[in-house]
Amino acid sequence: MSQLYFNQTNNQFNGTTRGWTGQNTGGIKQFQFKMSPITLGITLFAGISFLITIITYYPYFFS
């Protein structure tokens, strides 16, 4: 599961518990994106692939 999913789930749980019982179960935290080595590698791979695709097919669209 992604970090965004867990953060959203925890925030929903904390908000629901606070609304129904009035208990303070923890604050709602702002989502912060953390760059892991895997995420960085996937992002670089996608970016480089997109760049190579644009360079390869540029003459096809603009000639």
PDB file of N, CA and C in Angstrom:
ATOM      1  N   MET A   1       0.835  -1.183   0.000  1.00  0.00           N
ATOM      2  CA  MET A   1       0.000   0.000   0.000  1.00  0.00           C
ATOM      3  C   MET A   1       0.878   1.244   0.000  1.00  0.00           C
ATOM      4  N   SER A   2       0.330   2.282  -0.518  1.00  0.00           N
ATOM      5  CA  SER A   2       1.120   3.509  -0.605  1.00  0.00           C
ATOM      6  C   SER A   2       1.035   4.314   0.678  1.00  0.00           C
ATOM      7  N   GLN A   3       1.986   5.190   0.815  1.00  0.00           N
ATOM      8  CA  GLN A   3       2.050   6.043   2.001  1.00  0.00           C
ATOM      9  C   GLN A   3       0.847   6.980   2.045  1.00  0.00           C
ATOM     10  N   LEU A   4       0.398   7.467   0.883  1.00  0.00           N
ATOM     11  CA  LEU A   4      -0.756   8.361   0.837  1.00  0.00           C
ATOM     12  C   LEU A   4      -1.994   7.642   1.353  1.00  0.00           C
ATOM     13  N   TYR A   5      -2.172   6.367   0.991  1.00  0.00           N
ATOM     14  CA  TYR A   5      -3.335   5.601   1.437  1.00  0.00           C
ATOM     15  C   TYR A   5      -3.346   5.463   2.952  1.00  0.00           C
ATOM     16  N   PHE A   6      -2.202   5.107   3.539  1.00  0.00           N
ATOM     17  CA  PHE A   6      -2.144   4.939   4.996  1.00  0.00           C
ATOM     18  C   PHE A   6      -2.366   6.263   5.717  1.00  0.00           C
ATOM     19  N   ASN A   7      -1.807   7.342   5.194  1.00  0.00           N
ATOM     20  CA  ASN A   7      -1.988   8.655   5.808  1.00  0.00           C
ATOM     21  C   ASN A   7      -3.458   9.057   5.760  1.00  0.00           C
ATOM     22  N   GLN A   8      -4.114   8.817   4.619  1.00  0.00           N
ATOM     23  CA  GLN A   8      -5.524   9.162   4.478  1.00  0.00           C
ATOM     24  C   GLN A   8      -6.380   8.297   5.394  1.00  0.00           C
ATOM     25  N   THR A   9      -6.082   7.006   5.486  1.00  0.00           N
ATOM     26  CA  THR A   9      -6.838   6.105   6.343  1.00  0.00           C
ATOM     27  C   THR A   9      -6.699   6.504   7.806  1.00  0.00           C
ATOM     28  N   ASN A  10      -5.491   6.811   8.248  1.00  0.00           N
ATOM     29  CA  ASN A  10      -5.280   7.233   9.631  1.00  0.00           C
ATOM     30  C   ASN A  10      -6.008   8.536   9.919  1.00  0.00           C
ATOM     31  N   ASN A  11      -5.977   9.471   8.982  1.00  0.00           N
ATOM     32  CA  ASN A  11      -6.672  10.735   9.178  1.00  0.00           C
ATOM     33  C   ASN A  11      -8.183  10.524   9.267  1.00  0.00           C
ATOM     34  N   GLN A  12      -8.736   9.634   8.445  1.00  0.00           N
ATOM     35  CA  GLN A  12     -10.167   9.350   8.502  1.00  0.00           C
ATOM     36  C   GLN A  12     -10.523   8.691   9.827  1.00  0.00           C
ATOM     37  N   PHE A  13      -9.719   7.756  10.279  1.00  0.00           N
ATOM     38  CA  PHE A  13      -9.975   7.088  11.552  1.00  0.00           C
ATOM     39  C   PHE A  13      -9.924   8.081  12.706  1.00  0.00           C
ATOM     40  N   ASN A  14      -8.885   8.921  12.724  1.00  0.00           N
ATOM     41  CA  ASN A  14      -8.753   9.904  13.797  1.00  0.00           C
ATOM     42  C   ASN A  14      -9.906  10.903  13.776  1.00  0.00           C
ATOM     43  N   GLY A  15     -10.309  11.331  12.588  1.00  0.00           N
ATOM     44  CA  GLY A  15     -11.416  12.277  12.484  1.00  0.00           C
ATOM     45  C   GLY A  15     -12.735  11.666  12.919  1.00  0.00           C
ATOM     46  N   THR A  16     -12.979  10.404  12.541  1.00  0.00           N
ATOM     47  CA  THR A  16     -14.217   9.726  12.929  1.00  0.00           C
ATOM     48  C   THR A  16     -14.258   9.491  14.423  1.00  0.00           C
ATOM     49  N   THR A  17     -13.165   9.025  15.002  1.00  0.00           N
ATOM     50  CA  THR A  17     -13.118   8.779  16.445  1.00  0.00           C
ATOM     51  C   THR A  17     -13.330  10.068  17.215  1.00  0.00           C
ATOM     52  N   ARG A  18     -12.704  11.122  16.766  1.00  0.00           N
ATOM     53  CA  ARG A  18     -12.858  12.423  17.431  1.00  0.00           C
ATOM     54  C   ARG A  18     -14.310  12.903  17.316  1.00  0.00           C
ATOM     55  N   GLY A  19     -14.930  12.697  16.171  1.00  0.00           N
ATOM     56  CA  GLY A  19     -16.308  13.147  15.963  1.00  0.00           C
ATOM     57  C   GLY A  19     -17.321  12.383  16.784  1.00  0.00           C
ATOM     58  N   TRP A  20     -17.145  11.069  16.910  1.00  0.00           N
ATOM     59  CA  TRP A  20     -18.122  10.248  17.620  1.00  0.00           C
ATOM     60  C   TRP A  20     -17.906  10.237  19.125  1.00  0.00           C
ATOM     61  N   THR A  21     -16.668  10.209  19.567  1.00  0.00           N
ATOM     62  CA  THR A  21     -16.404  10.036  21.001  1.00  0.00           C
ATOM     63  C   THR A  21     -15.819  11.270  21.664  1.00  0.00           C
ATOM     64  N   GLY A  22     -15.283  12.187  20.885  1.00  0.00           N
ATOM     65  CA  GLY A  22     -14.655  13.365  21.465  1.00  0.00           C
ATOM     66  C   GLY A  22     -13.241  13.105  21.958  1.00  0.00           C
ATOM     67  N   GLN A  23     -12.756  11.872  21.796  1.00  0.00           N
ATOM     68  CA  GLN A  23     -11.402  11.551  22.235  1.00  0.00           C
ATOM     69  C   GLN A  23     -10.389  12.091  21.235  1.00  0.00           C
ATOM     70  N   ASN A  24      -9.281  12.536  21.768  1.00  0.00           N
ATOM     71  CA  ASN A  24      -8.206  13.013  20.912  1.00  0.00           C
ATOM     72  C   ASN A  24      -7.291  11.832  20.601  1.00  0.00           C
ATOM     73  N   THR A  25      -7.437  11.255  19.412  1.00  0.00           N
ATOM     74  CA  THR A  25      -6.661  10.071  19.041  1.00  0.00           C
ATOM     75  C   THR A  25      -5.389  10.418  18.300  1.00  0.00           C
ATOM     76  N   GLY A  26      -5.147  11.670  18.104  1.00  0.00           N
ATOM     77  CA  GLY A  26      -3.966  12.093  17.353  1.00  0.00           C
ATOM     78  C   GLY A  26      -4.375  13.108  16.321  1.00  0.00           C
ATOM     79  N   GLY A  27      -3.472  13.973  16.016  1.00  0.00           N
ATOM     80  CA  GLY A  27      -3.787  15.031  15.069  1.00  0.00           C
ATOM     81  C   GLY A  27      -3.832  14.534  13.641  1.00  0.00           C
ATOM     82  N   ILE A  28      -4.497  15.285  12.815  1.00  0.00           N
ATOM     83  CA  ILE A  28      -4.519  14.988  11.390  1.00  0.00           C
ATOM     84  C   ILE A  28      -3.226  15.540  10.800  1.00  0.00           C
ATOM     85  N   LYS A  29      -2.487  14.657  10.155  1.00  0.00           N
ATOM     86  CA  LYS A  29      -1.172  15.040   9.640  1.00  0.00           C
ATOM     87  C   LYS A  29      -1.249  15.380   8.157  1.00  0.00           C
ATOM     88  N   GLN A  30      -0.481  16.353   7.764  1.00  0.00           N
ATOM     89  CA  GLN A  30      -0.384  16.719   6.367  1.00  0.00           C
ATOM     90  C   GLN A  30       0.442  15.663   5.640  1.00  0.00           C
ATOM     91  N   PHE A  31       0.007  15.307   4.424  1.00  0.00           N
ATOM     92  CA  PHE A  31       0.753  14.329   3.641  1.00  0.00           C
ATOM     93  C   PHE A  31       2.023  14.972   3.096  1.00  0.00           C
ATOM     94  N   GLN A  32       3.146  14.299   3.292  1.00  0.00           N
ATOM     95  CA  GLN A  32       4.413  14.745   2.726  1.00  0.00           C
ATOM     96  C   GLN A  32       4.986  13.614   1.882  1.00  0.00           C
ATOM     97  N   PHE A  33       5.265  13.929   0.630  1.00  0.00           N
ATOM     98  CA  PHE A  33       5.811  12.932  -0.277  1.00  0.00           C
ATOM     99  C   PHE A  33       7.282  12.720   0.041  1.00  0.00           C
ATOM    100  N   LYS A  34       7.666  11.470   0.258  1.00  0.00           N
ATOM    101  CA  LYS A  34       9.064  11.136   0.531  1.00  0.00           C
ATOM    102  C   LYS A  34       9.626  10.374  -0.662  1.00  0.00           C
ATOM    103  N   MET A  35      10.771  10.801  -1.126  1.00  0.00           N
ATOM    104  CA  MET A  35      11.390  10.190  -2.299  1.00  0.00           C
ATOM    105  C   MET A  35      12.298   9.048  -1.862  1.00  0.00           C
ATOM    106  N   SER A  36      11.887   7.831  -2.178  1.00  0.00           N
ATOM    107  CA  SER A  36      12.719   6.669  -1.882  1.00  0.00           C
ATOM    108  C   SER A  36      13.569   6.355  -3.117  1.00  0.00           C
ATOM    109  N   PRO A  37      14.579   5.521  -2.965  1.00  0.00           N
ATOM    110  CA  PRO A  37      15.390   5.159  -4.139  1.00  0.00           C
ATOM    111  C   PRO A  37      14.568   4.488  -5.245  1.00  0.00           C
ATOM    112  N   ILE A  38      13.575   3.713  -4.876  1.00  0.00           N
ATOM    113  CA  ILE A  38      12.735   3.041  -5.874  1.00  0.00           C
ATOM    114  C   ILE A  38      11.901   4.066  -6.631  1.00  0.00           C
ATOM    115  N   THR A  39      11.284   4.992  -5.900  1.00  0.00           N
ATOM    116  CA  THR A  39      10.481   6.031  -6.540  1.00  0.00           C
ATOM    117  C   THR A  39      11.340   6.903  -7.446  1.00  0.00           C
ATOM    118  N   LEU A  40      12.526   7.231  -7.002  1.00  0.00           N
ATOM    119  CA  LEU A  40      13.443   8.030  -7.814  1.00  0.00           C
ATOM    120  C   LEU A  40      13.817   7.286  -9.096  1.00  0.00           C
ATOM    121  N   GLY A  41      14.110   5.997  -8.986  1.00  0.00           N
ATOM    122  CA  GLY A  41      14.463   5.202 -10.158  1.00  0.00           C
ATOM    123  C   GLY A  41      13.326   5.100 -11.155  1.00  0.00           C
ATOM    124  N   ILE A  42      12.121   4.879 -10.667  1.00  0.00           N
ATOM    125  CA  ILE A  42      10.960   4.784 -11.559  1.00  0.00           C
ATOM    126  C   ILE A  42      10.704   6.124 -12.243  1.00  0.00           C
ATOM    127  N   THR A  43      10.829   7.210 -11.493  1.00  0.00           N
ATOM    128  CA  THR A  43      10.620   8.544 -12.064  1.00  0.00           C
ATOM    129  C   THR A  43      11.663   8.849 -13.135  1.00  0.00           C
ATOM    130  N   LEU A  44      12.917   8.543 -12.857  1.00  0.00           N
ATOM    131  CA  LEU A  44      13.973   8.756 -13.857  1.00  0.00           C
ATOM    132  C   LEU A  44      13.753   7.891 -15.095  1.00  0.00           C
ATOM    133  N   PHE A  45      13.384   6.639 -14.889  1.00  0.00           N
ATOM    134  CA  PHE A  45      13.136   5.735 -16.016  1.00  0.00           C
ATOM    135  C   PHE A  45      12.004   6.257 -16.890  1.00  0.00           C
ATOM    136  N   ALA A  46      10.897   6.679 -16.267  1.00  0.00           N
ATOM    137  CA  ALA A  46       9.760   7.192 -17.033  1.00  0.00           C
ATOM    138  C   ALA A  46      10.132   8.479 -17.764  1.00  0.00           C
ATOM    139  N   GLY A  47      10.864   9.356 -17.102  1.00  0.00           N
ATOM    140  CA  GLY A  47      11.258  10.616 -17.732  1.00  0.00           C
ATOM    141  C   GLY A  47      12.191  10.412 -18.908  1.00  0.00           C
ATOM    142  N   ILE A  48      13.189   9.564 -18.729  1.00  0.00           N
ATOM    143  CA  ILE A  48      14.146   9.294 -19.811  1.00  0.00           C
ATOM    144  C   ILE A  48      13.451   8.585 -20.972  1.00  0.00           C
ATOM    145  N   SER A  49      12.564   7.641 -20.673  1.00  0.00           N
ATOM    146  CA  SER A  49      11.829   6.945 -21.732  1.00  0.00           C
ATOM    147  C   SER A  49      10.960   7.917 -22.520  1.00  0.00           C
ATOM    148  N   PHE A  50      10.298   8.835 -21.811  1.00  0.00           N
ATOM    149  CA  PHE A  50       9.463   9.830 -22.483  1.00  0.00           C
ATOM    150  C   PHE A  50      10.314  10.735 -23.372  1.00  0.00           C
ATOM    151  N   LEU A  51      11.473  11.134 -22.886  1.00  0.00           N
ATOM    152  CA  LEU A  51      12.375  11.984 -23.665  1.00  0.00           C
ATOM    153  C   LEU A  51      12.869  11.257 -24.918  1.00  0.00           C
ATOM    154  N   ILE A  52      13.250  10.010 -24.783  1.00  0.00           N
ATOM    155  CA  ILE A  52      13.708   9.226 -25.937  1.00  0.00           C
ATOM    156  C   ILE A  52      12.579   9.056 -26.949  1.00  0.00           C
ATOM    157  N   THR A  53      11.365   8.840 -26.459  1.00  0.00           N
ATOM    158  CA  THR A  53      10.216   8.698 -27.354  1.00  0.00           C
ATOM    159  C   THR A  53       9.965   9.985 -28.129  1.00  0.00           C
ATOM    160  N   ILE A  54      10.043  11.119 -27.462  1.00  0.00           N
ATOM    161  CA  ILE A  54       9.845  12.405 -28.141  1.00  0.00           C
ATOM    162  C   ILE A  54      10.914  12.616 -29.209  1.00  0.00           C
ATOM    163  N   ILE A  55      12.170  12.337 -28.872  1.00  0.00           N
ATOM    164  CA  ILE A  55      13.265  12.513 -29.834  1.00  0.00           C
ATOM    165  C   ILE A  55      13.102  11.565 -31.018  1.00  0.00           C
ATOM    166  N   THR A  56      12.693  10.335 -30.751  1.00  0.00           N
ATOM    167  CA  THR A  56      12.558   9.344 -31.820  1.00  0.00           C
ATOM    168  C   THR A  56      11.426   9.698 -32.782  1.00  0.00           C
ATOM    169  N   TYR A  57      10.282  10.124 -32.264  1.00  0.00           N
ATOM    170  CA  TYR A  57       9.108  10.357 -33.101  1.00  0.00           C
ATOM    171  C   TYR A  57       8.905  11.818 -33.478  1.00  0.00           C
ATOM    172  N   TYR A  58       9.840  12.691 -33.151  1.00  0.00           N
ATOM    173  CA  TYR A  58       9.723  14.108 -33.505  1.00  0.00           C
ATOM    174  C   TYR A  58       9.567  14.315 -35.015  1.00  0.00           C
ATOM    175  N   PRO A  59      10.399  13.669 -35.854  1.00  0.00           N
ATOM    176  CA  PRO A  59      10.243  13.869 -37.303  1.00  0.00           C
ATOM    177  C   PRO A  59       8.891  13.374 -37.834  1.00  0.00           C
ATOM    178  N   TYR A  60       8.331  12.382 -37.224  1.00  0.00           N
ATOM    179  CA  TYR A  60       7.057  11.833 -37.683  1.00  0.00           C
ATOM    180  C   TYR A  60       5.934  12.861 -37.539  1.00  0.00           C
ATOM    181  N   PHE A  61       5.927  13.624 -36.464  1.00  0.00           N
ATOM    182  CA  PHE A  61       4.852  14.570 -36.210  1.00  0.00           C
ATOM    183  C   PHE A  61       5.126  15.967 -36.769  1.00  0.00           C
ATOM    184  N   PHE A  62       6.391  16.370 -36.861  1.00  0.00           N
ATOM    185  CA  PHE A  62       6.700  17.748 -37.225  1.00  0.00           C
ATOM    186  C   PHE A  62       7.574  17.856 -38.471  1.00  0.00           C
ATOM    187  N   SER A  63       7.292  17.060 -39.479  1.00  0.00           N
ATOM    188  CA  SER A  63       8.087  17.192 -40.708  1.00  0.00           C
ATOM    189  C   SER A  63       7.207  17.504 -41.896  1.00  0.00           C
TER     190      SER A  63
END
